[in-house]
Amino acid sequence: MKNTLVKMIILFIVGTILFSYPADARRIGTVKIINLSHDWAHSMPLYQEAQRLKAKGDKVGYYIAMFRHLRYEYIEDMPTPILSSFNYGYKVRINYFQAVLGILDRAVNEEIIKRDVLIQKINEFDEREWGFDRGERTTKEDIEYVDSLLDEVIIYLEQINSATSYGYSIEEACGFMHAIIELDRQMEQHIAQGNEDQIKANSFERTIYASILSGARHEYWLDRFRFRKSASDERPSELIQSNTPELDFKARTSFIAILRFELGLALKEGVLAGERIQKLVDEFKARKFNAGKKLPKIDRRKWTTLDEITYMNEVLEKVVTYLEQVNNAMGYGYSLSWAQNIIELLGNVRDGEAEVLPSLAIRYEATLSGNLPKHTLSEFRSIKAYDDVLVDEFLPSDAKHKARGRVIIGISLRLQRALREGIIVGDEMEALVREFKNKEWNFSAHEDLSPEDPRTFTTQEEIDYINKVLDTVIVYLMERYEIN
């Protein structure tokens, strides 16, 4: 390891005060690393997020946020004058490289980073000779090298985070990564040989691993259960031959066994969740099908019945609907757990076991059904219909007037939410939402005055502006989604 007196002399000459995060950077030798406590760092959202996740005990999440902090929240500019000891936050500083190495080392020592190829690159990073090793200034190439390594580490950790969220270990996730590389290598050979069956098999296996590492397991299971649902409902008049693909008939014993396994795995991974779906899967797994009877295969008493096929279709319909709702909600930027909780909540509401505001229930239903753009349009149209009349007295809380401060705040929040959900997109719409949010309204410009004071009342110019924004958003939604 490079831990020499020359390096310490160089650090002293340039007047660099070494600091870092709690870590054991190999290059720093006997120099004690202190906790990062500078104001500039605490003002950075990714650094703050890292500390929050650390306190929560989320190690993988902590390292993701920390490496993003190092990658994106440090300044990449190459300043002309020499930086003083107090110019924190620059990638050109020696202590930045020490901080990166220190945290990489700790991630390896805590067995968060376990891929051999990545560990090798970290060792190469440690052994690399930098410009400042020779008493020279940090170069653009030095910074690009660090950025490239951090990008790889962040992608790796995001894949680990995804896999562990489904209940897999870090070792298993690394195995999936290696398997994808090997499958890609084999795929090249199969393509060259024109082996279509093997190409199909490899593609399917790769899809499984990729869905685990990318956080798209809900999409995978939706496709799989739709595929299962498409199998034939026909009950053959004779024994189905063993070489008939098991997916062709729901009546096959192997189809039932595979469906049992897949439902159980989706539940174990947490893609299916909630009391209702849990009960549905448990009942299916516990059900005694004819196929399970200890009789010869040719005995018709062992053959799947029409009632059993109907039951399978009912289960598959409920599972597919559930996953479609999850998929719709996640498409609007909501998390898997949020979608699952809302599905369970609405189920409780329908069964009379819970209550929720009708307007909120309608919005939840629109989110799960994929009709959120239409619902959003309805919301803005409803607000557009509010009274434009200016009043010379304080409005009550239930008044449907655009002049109310609460209504204006509500419009701003709805605009921001629509942007966050991806219902409205594009630079122009983002600018519109930002302008509305940052506008200084009359009702908020005089915080020292009572709400009954006329000087806080909304003006006609403000009403006109609100209507202009609402008209713009309404037309945008109608045109983009082709709805009236």
Protein backbone atom coordinates (compact mmCIF):
# COMPACT_ATOMS: atom_id res chain seq x y z
CA MET A 1 0.00 0.00 0.00
CA LYS A 2 1.12 3.51 -0.73
CA ASN A 3 1.70 4.94 2.69
CA THR A 4 4.91 6.93 2.49
CA LEU A 5 6.52 9.88 4.22
CA VAL A 6 6.73 11.69 0.86
CA LYS A 7 2.97 11.66 0.61
CA MET A 8 2.63 13.17 4.07
CA ILE A 9 5.10 15.92 3.15
CA ILE A 10 3.15 16.72 -0.01
CA LEU A 11 -0.07 16.96 1.99
CA PHE A 12 1.61 19.32 4.42
CA ILE A 13 3.10 21.51 1.68
CA VAL A 14 -0.19 22.09 -0.11
CA GLY A 15 -1.79 22.96 3.21
CA THR A 16 -4.49 20.37 2.90
CA ILE A 17 -6.37 19.51 6.04
CA LEU A 18 -7.27 15.88 5.81
CA PHE A 19 -10.81 15.06 6.73
CA SER A 20 -13.23 12.34 5.77
CA TYR A 21 -16.14 10.26 6.98
CA PRO A 22 -15.62 7.59 9.65
CA ALA A 23 -13.49 5.11 7.69
CA ASP A 24 -10.11 3.42 7.55
CA ALA A 25 -8.61 4.69 4.32
CA ARG A 26 -5.51 2.64 3.70
CA ARG A 27 -3.48 5.49 2.25
CA ILE A 28 -3.88 7.82 5.19
CA GLY A 29 -1.70 5.69 7.44
CA THR A 30 -1.47 7.01 10.97
CA VAL A 31 -3.30 10.26 10.23
CA LYS A 32 -6.54 10.23 12.22
CA ILE A 33 -9.70 10.75 10.15
CA ILE A 34 -12.29 13.00 11.76
CA ASN A 35 -16.05 13.04 11.25
CA LEU A 36 -17.33 15.30 8.51
CA SER A 37 -18.94 18.23 10.26
CA HIS A 38 -18.52 21.14 7.87
CA ASP A 39 -21.52 23.29 7.08
CA TRP A 40 -21.10 22.85 3.31
CA ALA A 41 -21.52 19.09 3.60
CA HIS A 42 -24.56 19.22 5.87
CA SER A 43 -26.32 21.44 3.35
CA MET A 44 -26.14 18.66 0.76
CA PRO A 45 -29.32 16.54 0.47
CA LEU A 46 -27.57 13.29 -0.54
CA TYR A 47 -25.22 13.52 2.42
CA GLN A 48 -28.16 14.16 4.74
CA GLU A 49 -30.03 11.22 3.19
CA ALA A 50 -27.01 9.00 3.80
CA GLN A 51 -26.93 9.93 7.48
CA ARG A 52 -30.67 9.29 7.79
CA LEU A 53 -30.33 5.83 6.24
CA LYS A 54 -27.32 5.07 8.41
CA ALA A 55 -29.29 5.91 11.55
CA LYS A 56 -32.11 3.73 10.25
CA GLY A 57 -29.73 0.78 9.88
CA ASP A 58 -30.03 0.59 6.09
CA LYS A 59 -26.42 -0.13 5.16
CA VAL A 60 -26.92 -0.61 1.43
CA GLY A 61 -29.08 2.51 1.20
CA TYR A 62 -26.48 4.43 3.19
CA TYR A 63 -23.68 3.52 0.80
CA ILE A 64 -25.80 4.30 -2.26
CA ALA A 65 -26.55 7.79 -0.93
CA MET A 66 -22.96 8.30 0.22
CA PHE A 67 -21.41 7.37 -3.12
CA ARG A 68 -23.98 9.51 -4.93
CA HIS A 69 -22.96 12.33 -2.62
CA LEU A 70 -19.31 11.85 -3.56
CA ARG A 71 -20.18 11.52 -7.24
CA TYR A 72 -22.63 14.41 -7.66
CA GLU A 73 -22.36 16.85 -4.77
CA TYR A 74 -18.68 17.65 -5.04
CA ILE A 75 -17.56 20.37 -7.47
CA GLU A 76 -15.77 19.15 -10.62
CA ASP A 77 -14.48 22.57 -11.69
CA MET A 78 -10.74 22.89 -12.11
CA PRO A 79 -10.10 26.26 -10.39
CA THR A 80 -7.16 28.32 -11.56
CA PRO A 81 -5.89 29.50 -8.15
CA ILE A 82 -4.60 26.93 -5.67
CA LEU A 83 -7.30 25.93 -3.22
CA SER A 84 -6.83 26.82 0.39
CA SER A 85 -7.32 24.41 3.25
CA PHE A 86 -10.87 25.65 3.68
CA ASN A 87 -12.09 25.15 0.09
CA TYR A 88 -14.07 22.04 0.88
CA GLY A 89 -16.25 20.23 -1.65
CA TYR A 90 -13.88 20.15 -4.64
CA LYS A 91 -12.98 16.90 -6.39
CA VAL A 92 -9.50 18.24 -7.16
CA ARG A 93 -8.59 18.17 -3.48
CA ILE A 94 -6.47 15.31 -2.19
CA ASN A 95 -8.82 14.69 0.69
CA TYR A 96 -11.62 13.93 -1.78
CA PHE A 97 -9.68 10.94 -3.10
CA GLN A 98 -8.93 9.85 0.45
CA ALA A 99 -12.62 10.08 1.33
CA VAL A 100 -13.65 7.99 -1.69
CA LEU A 101 -11.07 5.32 -0.93
CA GLY A 102 -11.95 5.28 2.76
CA ILE A 103 -15.63 4.65 2.14
CA LEU A 104 -14.94 2.10 -0.59
CA ASP A 105 -12.68 0.23 1.84
CA ARG A 106 -15.33 0.25 4.50
CA ALA A 107 -18.00 -1.04 2.10
CA VAL A 108 -15.67 -3.92 1.21
CA ASN A 109 -14.77 -4.64 4.85
CA GLU A 110 -18.46 -4.68 5.81
CA GLU A 111 -19.06 -7.11 2.92
CA ILE A 112 -21.48 -4.81 1.14
CA ILE A 113 -19.25 -4.83 -1.94
CA LYS A 114 -18.55 -8.50 -2.65
CA ARG A 115 -18.05 -8.75 -6.41
CA ASP A 116 -14.48 -9.79 -7.13
CA VAL A 117 -14.24 -7.70 -10.28
CA LEU A 118 -15.32 -4.57 -8.37
CA ILE A 119 -12.99 -5.27 -5.46
CA GLN A 120 -10.14 -5.61 -7.95
CA LYS A 121 -10.96 -2.19 -9.40
CA ILE A 122 -10.99 -0.70 -5.90
CA ASN A 123 -7.53 -2.20 -5.29
CA GLU A 124 -6.35 -0.67 -8.57
CA PHE A 125 -7.79 2.66 -7.42
CA ASP A 126 -5.72 2.36 -4.25
CA GLU A 127 -2.54 1.51 -6.16
CA ARG A 128 -2.99 4.13 -8.89
CA GLU A 129 -0.40 6.90 -9.07
CA TRP A 130 -2.09 10.28 -9.06
CA GLY A 131 -0.77 13.66 -10.07
CA PHE A 132 -0.57 14.80 -6.47
CA ASP A 133 1.65 11.79 -5.71
CA ARG A 134 4.27 13.55 -7.79
CA GLY A 135 3.56 16.97 -6.34
CA GLU A 136 1.42 17.91 -9.34
CA ARG A 137 -2.17 19.17 -9.50
CA THR A 138 -5.11 16.83 -9.92
CA THR A 139 -5.99 16.34 -13.59
CA LYS A 140 -9.29 16.04 -15.40
CA GLU A 141 -8.38 12.42 -16.19
CA ASP A 142 -7.99 11.72 -12.46
CA ILE A 143 -11.49 12.98 -11.78
CA GLU A 144 -12.99 11.07 -14.72
CA TYR A 145 -11.35 7.88 -13.41
CA VAL A 146 -12.96 8.33 -9.99
CA ASP A 147 -16.33 9.20 -11.53
CA SER A 148 -16.26 6.04 -13.65
CA LEU A 149 -15.50 3.85 -10.64
CA LEU A 150 -18.22 5.51 -8.55
CA ASP A 151 -20.73 4.99 -11.37
CA GLU A 152 -19.96 1.25 -11.36
CA VAL A 153 -20.22 1.05 -7.58
CA ILE A 154 -23.56 2.90 -7.52
CA ILE A 155 -25.05 0.62 -10.20
CA TYR A 156 -23.83 -2.43 -8.29
CA LEU A 157 -25.30 -1.19 -5.02
CA GLU A 158 -28.63 -0.32 -6.64
CA GLN A 159 -28.82 -3.87 -7.97
CA ILE A 160 -27.96 -5.23 -4.53
CA ASN A 161 -30.61 -3.00 -2.98
CA SER A 162 -33.20 -4.29 -5.43
CA ALA A 163 -32.33 -7.96 -4.90
CA THR A 164 -32.24 -7.71 -1.10
CA SER A 165 -35.64 -5.97 -1.13
CA TYR A 166 -37.02 -9.22 -2.59
CA GLY A 167 -35.42 -11.27 0.17
CA TYR A 168 -32.26 -12.38 -1.64
CA SER A 169 -28.81 -12.17 -0.06
CA ILE A 170 -25.90 -10.10 -1.35
CA GLU A 171 -24.16 -13.35 -2.33
CA GLU A 172 -27.19 -14.43 -4.34
CA ALA A 173 -27.41 -11.02 -6.02
CA CYS A 174 -23.74 -11.27 -7.04
CA GLY A 175 -24.52 -14.72 -8.39
CA PHE A 176 -27.32 -13.26 -10.52
CA MET A 177 -24.92 -10.64 -11.91
CA HIS A 178 -22.40 -13.31 -12.82
CA ALA A 179 -25.13 -15.48 -14.35
CA ILE A 180 -26.23 -12.64 -16.65
CA ILE A 181 -22.68 -12.17 -17.89
CA GLU A 182 -22.35 -15.89 -18.55
CA LEU A 183 -25.74 -16.08 -20.29
CA ASP A 184 -24.78 -13.17 -22.53
CA ARG A 185 -21.56 -14.98 -23.45
CA GLN A 186 -23.47 -18.16 -24.24
CA MET A 187 -26.06 -16.18 -26.19
CA GLU A 188 -23.43 -15.05 -28.68
CA GLN A 189 -22.55 -18.69 -29.35
CA HIS A 190 -26.18 -19.78 -29.70
CA ILE A 191 -26.91 -16.93 -32.11
CA ALA A 192 -23.88 -17.88 -34.22
CA GLN A 193 -25.07 -21.50 -34.26
CA GLY A 194 -28.69 -20.56 -34.93
CA ASN A 195 -29.87 -22.52 -31.87
CA GLU A 196 -33.29 -20.88 -31.42
CA ASP A 197 -34.47 -23.12 -28.57
CA GLN A 198 -31.39 -22.36 -26.49
CA ILE A 199 -31.62 -18.65 -27.33
CA LYS A 200 -35.20 -18.64 -26.03
CA ALA A 201 -34.22 -20.53 -22.87
CA ASN A 202 -31.28 -18.22 -22.15
CA SER A 203 -33.40 -15.12 -22.75
CA PHE A 204 -36.02 -16.35 -20.31
CA GLU A 205 -33.45 -17.13 -17.61
CA ARG A 206 -31.77 -13.77 -18.12
CA THR A 207 -35.12 -11.99 -17.75
CA ILE A 208 -35.60 -13.62 -14.35
CA TYR A 209 -32.24 -12.42 -13.01
CA ALA A 210 -32.54 -8.98 -14.60
CA SER A 211 -35.99 -8.40 -13.07
CA ILE A 212 -34.59 -9.16 -9.60
CA LEU A 213 -31.62 -6.81 -10.02
CA SER A 214 -33.56 -3.97 -11.66
CA GLY A 215 -36.50 -3.76 -9.25
CA ALA A 216 -38.94 -4.86 -11.97
CA ARG A 217 -40.11 -8.07 -10.36
CA HIS A 218 -43.73 -6.87 -10.37
CA GLU A 219 -43.57 -6.53 -14.15
CA TYR A 220 -42.08 -9.99 -14.49
CA TRP A 221 -44.78 -11.63 -12.40
CA LEU A 222 -47.53 -9.75 -14.21
CA ASP A 223 -46.28 -11.14 -17.51
CA ARG A 224 -45.91 -14.65 -16.09
CA PHE A 225 -49.38 -14.84 -14.58
CA ARG A 226 -50.94 -13.35 -17.70
CA PHE A 227 -49.15 -16.11 -19.59
CA ARG A 228 -50.49 -18.75 -17.21
CA LYS A 229 -53.97 -17.34 -17.57
CA SER A 230 -53.75 -17.68 -21.36
CA ALA A 231 -53.28 -21.48 -21.15
CA SER A 232 -56.07 -23.59 -22.58
CA ASP A 233 -59.14 -24.32 -20.43
CA GLU A 234 -59.92 -27.35 -22.55
CA ARG A 235 -60.27 -30.72 -20.81
CA PRO A 236 -58.91 -33.27 -23.30
CA SER A 237 -60.92 -36.44 -23.81
CA GLU A 238 -57.75 -38.48 -23.35
CA LEU A 239 -54.56 -38.32 -21.30
CA ILE A 240 -52.37 -35.36 -22.28
CA GLN A 241 -49.08 -36.67 -23.62
CA SER A 242 -46.00 -35.93 -21.53
CA ASN A 243 -44.28 -34.14 -24.40
CA THR A 244 -47.09 -31.59 -24.65
CA PRO A 245 -45.88 -28.23 -23.25
CA GLU A 246 -47.27 -27.87 -19.72
CA LEU A 247 -48.43 -24.33 -20.47
CA ASP A 248 -50.83 -25.51 -23.16
CA PHE A 249 -53.38 -26.94 -20.73
CA LYS A 250 -54.41 -25.92 -17.21
CA ALA A 251 -55.60 -29.50 -16.82
CA ARG A 252 -52.04 -30.81 -16.61
CA THR A 253 -50.63 -31.86 -13.25
CA SER A 254 -47.36 -30.00 -13.95
CA PHE A 255 -49.27 -26.77 -14.66
CA ILE A 256 -50.88 -26.86 -11.21
CA ALA A 257 -47.54 -27.63 -9.54
CA ILE A 258 -45.78 -24.78 -11.34
CA LEU A 259 -48.58 -22.35 -10.52
CA ARG A 260 -48.37 -23.31 -6.84
CA PHE A 261 -44.63 -22.69 -6.84
CA GLU A 262 -44.81 -19.36 -8.67
CA LEU A 263 -47.57 -17.96 -6.47
CA GLY A 264 -45.59 -18.96 -3.39
CA LEU A 265 -42.39 -17.37 -4.74
CA ALA A 266 -44.12 -14.10 -5.67
CA LEU A 267 -45.51 -14.00 -2.14
CA LYS A 268 -42.11 -14.79 -0.61
CA GLU A 269 -40.45 -12.03 -2.64
CA GLY A 270 -43.02 -9.54 -1.37
CA VAL A 271 -44.45 -8.74 -4.80
CA LEU A 272 -47.75 -10.18 -3.65
CA ALA A 273 -48.59 -8.87 -0.18
CA GLY A 274 -51.54 -8.17 2.09
CA GLU A 275 -53.98 -10.30 4.03
CA ARG A 276 -56.32 -10.86 1.09
CA ILE A 277 -53.72 -11.95 -1.43
CA GLN A 278 -51.97 -14.02 1.26
CA LYS A 279 -55.20 -15.86 1.98
CA LEU A 280 -55.82 -16.40 -1.75
CA VAL A 281 -52.39 -17.97 -2.29
CA ASP A 282 -52.53 -20.05 0.90
CA GLU A 283 -55.91 -21.48 -0.09
CA PHE A 284 -54.64 -22.35 -3.56
CA LYS A 285 -51.54 -24.07 -2.20
CA ALA A 286 -53.60 -26.01 0.36
CA ARG A 287 -56.34 -27.07 -2.08
CA LYS A 288 -56.42 -30.79 -2.92
CA PHE A 289 -56.71 -31.13 -6.67
CA ASN A 290 -57.64 -34.33 -8.42
CA ALA A 291 -54.12 -34.39 -9.83
CA GLY A 292 -52.79 -35.07 -6.35
CA LYS A 293 -54.71 -38.31 -5.89
CA LYS A 294 -52.58 -41.44 -5.66
CA LEU A 295 -54.03 -43.08 -8.73
CA PRO A 296 -52.57 -44.14 -12.09
CA LYS A 297 -52.34 -41.28 -14.58
CA ILE A 298 -54.77 -43.02 -16.91
CA ASP A 299 -57.44 -43.14 -14.18
CA ARG A 300 -59.97 -40.43 -14.98
CA ARG A 301 -60.58 -39.81 -11.28
CA LYS A 302 -57.10 -38.21 -11.27
CA TRP A 303 -57.89 -35.84 -14.13
CA THR A 304 -58.48 -32.14 -13.51
CA THR A 305 -62.16 -31.17 -13.37
CA LEU A 306 -63.96 -28.25 -14.93
CA ASP A 307 -64.57 -26.79 -11.46
CA GLU A 308 -60.84 -26.91 -10.75
CA ILE A 309 -60.05 -25.08 -13.99
CA THR A 310 -62.69 -22.46 -13.17
CA TYR A 311 -61.14 -22.04 -9.72
CA MET A 312 -57.65 -21.60 -11.23
CA ASN A 313 -58.99 -18.95 -13.59
CA GLU A 314 -60.58 -17.06 -10.68
CA VAL A 315 -57.29 -17.10 -8.76
CA LEU A 316 -55.28 -16.01 -11.80
CA GLU A 317 -57.77 -13.22 -12.56
CA LYS A 318 -57.41 -11.82 -9.04
CA VAL A 319 -53.62 -12.07 -9.09
CA VAL A 320 -53.34 -10.44 -12.53
CA THR A 321 -55.71 -7.63 -11.49
CA TYR A 322 -53.69 -7.09 -8.31
CA LEU A 323 -50.40 -6.87 -10.24
CA GLU A 324 -51.92 -4.59 -12.88
CA GLN A 325 -52.94 -2.22 -10.09
CA VAL A 326 -49.44 -2.37 -8.61
CA ASN A 327 -47.93 -1.76 -12.03
CA ASN A 328 -50.19 1.24 -12.67
CA ALA A 329 -49.39 2.86 -9.31
CA MET A 330 -45.64 2.31 -9.73
CA GLY A 331 -45.90 3.80 -13.21
CA TYR A 332 -46.99 7.05 -11.51
CA GLY A 333 -43.92 6.98 -9.26
CA TYR A 334 -45.42 5.32 -6.20
CA SER A 335 -43.59 2.52 -4.40
CA LEU A 336 -44.49 -1.15 -4.37
CA SER A 337 -45.36 -1.02 -0.67
CA TRP A 338 -47.56 2.08 -1.17
CA ALA A 339 -49.52 0.33 -3.91
CA GLN A 340 -49.93 -2.80 -1.81
CA ASN A 341 -51.13 -0.80 1.20
CA ILE A 342 -53.67 1.12 -0.88
CA ILE A 343 -55.01 -2.08 -2.48
CA GLU A 344 -55.46 -3.57 0.98
CA LEU A 345 -57.02 -0.35 2.31
CA LEU A 346 -59.60 -0.15 -0.50
CA GLY A 347 -60.41 -3.81 0.03
CA ASN A 348 -61.09 -3.07 3.70
CA VAL A 349 -63.25 -0.08 2.70
CA ARG A 350 -65.34 -2.25 0.38
CA ASP A 351 -65.77 -4.81 3.16
CA GLY A 352 -66.80 -2.11 5.64
CA GLU A 353 -63.67 -2.68 7.76
CA ALA A 354 -62.18 0.78 7.15
CA GLU A 355 -63.20 4.31 6.16
CA VAL A 356 -61.56 6.85 3.90
CA LEU A 357 -62.68 10.17 2.45
CA PRO A 358 -64.75 9.51 -0.72
CA SER A 359 -62.64 11.95 -2.76
CA LEU A 360 -59.48 10.18 -1.64
CA ALA A 361 -60.93 6.75 -2.40
CA ILE A 362 -61.80 7.91 -5.92
CA ARG A 363 -58.25 9.17 -6.44
CA TYR A 364 -56.78 5.90 -5.16
CA GLU A 365 -59.01 3.93 -7.53
CA ALA A 366 -57.91 6.12 -10.44
CA THR A 367 -54.26 5.56 -9.53
CA LEU A 368 -54.64 1.78 -9.36
CA SER A 369 -56.73 1.56 -12.51
CA GLY A 370 -54.37 3.66 -14.63
CA ASN A 371 -56.92 6.48 -15.06
CA LEU A 372 -55.02 9.11 -13.07
CA PRO A 373 -54.66 11.54 -16.03
CA LYS A 374 -58.44 11.61 -16.49
CA HIS A 375 -58.98 12.07 -12.75
CA THR A 376 -56.39 14.88 -12.65
CA LEU A 377 -58.16 16.63 -15.52
CA SER A 378 -61.42 16.34 -13.58
CA GLU A 379 -59.79 17.90 -10.50
CA PHE A 380 -58.48 20.94 -12.39
CA ARG A 381 -61.79 21.39 -14.21
CA SER A 382 -63.59 21.34 -10.88
CA ILE A 383 -61.32 24.05 -9.50
CA LYS A 384 -61.66 26.06 -12.70
CA ALA A 385 -65.42 26.16 -12.03
CA TYR A 386 -64.87 27.84 -8.63
CA ASP A 387 -66.24 31.37 -8.26
CA ASP A 388 -64.06 34.16 -9.70
CA VAL A 389 -65.90 36.92 -7.84
CA LEU A 390 -63.73 39.13 -5.65
CA VAL A 391 -65.09 39.65 -2.16
CA ASP A 392 -64.49 42.42 0.34
CA GLU A 393 -64.70 40.18 3.38
CA PHE A 394 -62.90 37.15 4.83
CA LEU A 395 -64.04 33.94 3.09
CA PRO A 396 -65.20 30.96 5.20
CA SER A 397 -63.21 27.72 5.00
CA ASP A 398 -65.80 25.94 2.85
CA ALA A 399 -66.15 28.69 0.24
CA LYS A 400 -65.45 27.57 -3.33
CA HIS A 401 -63.74 30.75 -4.44
CA LYS A 402 -60.41 31.02 -6.26
CA ALA A 403 -59.74 34.02 -4.04
CA ARG A 404 -59.19 31.74 -1.03
CA GLY A 405 -55.59 31.23 -0.01
CA ARG A 406 -56.28 27.60 0.72
CA VAL A 407 -57.55 27.06 -2.82
CA ILE A 408 -54.44 28.68 -4.30
CA ILE A 409 -52.20 26.48 -2.16
CA GLY A 410 -54.28 23.47 -3.20
CA ILE A 411 -53.77 24.28 -6.89
CA SER A 412 -50.03 24.57 -6.37
CA LEU A 413 -49.85 21.23 -4.56
CA ARG A 414 -51.91 19.51 -7.27
CA LEU A 415 -49.65 20.92 -9.97
CA GLN A 416 -46.56 19.69 -8.15
CA ARG A 417 -48.09 16.28 -7.60
CA ALA A 418 -49.08 15.95 -11.28
CA LEU A 419 -45.48 16.77 -12.20
CA ARG A 420 -44.11 14.26 -9.72
CA GLU A 421 -46.49 11.56 -10.99
CA GLY A 422 -45.44 12.17 -14.57
CA ILE A 423 -48.95 13.26 -15.56
CA ILE A 424 -47.54 16.53 -16.87
CA VAL A 425 -44.03 16.59 -18.30
CA GLY A 426 -41.68 18.81 -20.28
CA ASP A 427 -39.66 21.95 -19.64
CA GLU A 428 -42.54 24.34 -20.32
CA MET A 429 -44.88 22.62 -17.89
CA GLU A 430 -42.15 22.35 -15.26
CA ALA A 431 -41.52 26.10 -15.60
CA LEU A 432 -45.25 26.77 -15.26
CA VAL A 433 -45.51 24.71 -12.06
CA ARG A 434 -42.38 26.29 -10.62
CA GLU A 435 -43.61 29.81 -11.41
CA PHE A 436 -46.97 29.16 -9.76
CA LYS A 437 -45.30 27.65 -6.70
CA ASN A 438 -42.83 30.53 -6.27
CA LYS A 439 -45.27 33.36 -6.99
CA GLU A 440 -45.74 35.82 -4.14
CA TRP A 441 -49.48 35.90 -3.58
CA ASN A 442 -51.28 38.72 -1.83
CA PHE A 443 -52.61 36.46 0.92
CA SER A 444 -49.07 35.36 1.86
CA ALA A 445 -47.21 38.63 1.27
CA HIS A 446 -48.53 40.20 4.46
CA GLU A 447 -47.99 37.53 7.09
CA ASP A 448 -47.99 40.17 9.81
CA LEU A 449 -51.59 41.11 9.00
CA SER A 450 -54.83 39.40 9.98
CA PRO A 451 -56.56 37.32 7.24
CA GLU A 452 -59.53 39.70 7.60
CA ASP A 453 -57.37 42.66 6.59
CA PRO A 454 -58.32 43.78 3.02
CA ARG A 455 -54.66 44.13 2.13
CA THR A 456 -54.41 40.30 2.20
CA PHE A 457 -57.32 39.76 -0.21
CA THR A 458 -56.67 38.15 -3.60
CA THR A 459 -56.62 40.61 -6.51
CA GLN A 460 -58.26 40.42 -9.94
CA GLU A 461 -54.83 40.08 -11.56
CA GLU A 462 -54.18 37.01 -9.43
CA ILE A 463 -57.55 35.49 -10.35
CA ASP A 464 -56.77 36.05 -14.04
CA TYR A 465 -53.37 34.40 -13.62
CA ILE A 466 -54.92 31.39 -11.87
CA ASN A 467 -57.43 30.93 -14.68
CA LYS A 468 -54.70 31.21 -17.30
CA VAL A 469 -52.66 28.48 -15.60
CA LEU A 470 -55.70 26.23 -15.16
CA ASP A 471 -56.68 26.68 -18.82
CA THR A 472 -53.14 25.80 -19.91
CA VAL A 473 -53.08 22.63 -17.79
CA ILE A 474 -56.57 21.52 -18.84
CA VAL A 475 -55.80 21.92 -22.55
CA TYR A 476 -52.47 20.15 -22.07
CA LEU A 477 -54.11 17.13 -20.39
CA MET A 478 -56.86 16.92 -23.01
CA GLU A 479 -54.38 16.98 -25.89
CA ARG A 480 -51.72 14.72 -24.40
CA TYR A 481 -54.10 11.99 -23.27
CA GLU A 482 -56.78 12.59 -25.93
CA ILE A 483 -59.54 12.86 -23.36
CA ASN A 484 -62.47 15.26 -23.08
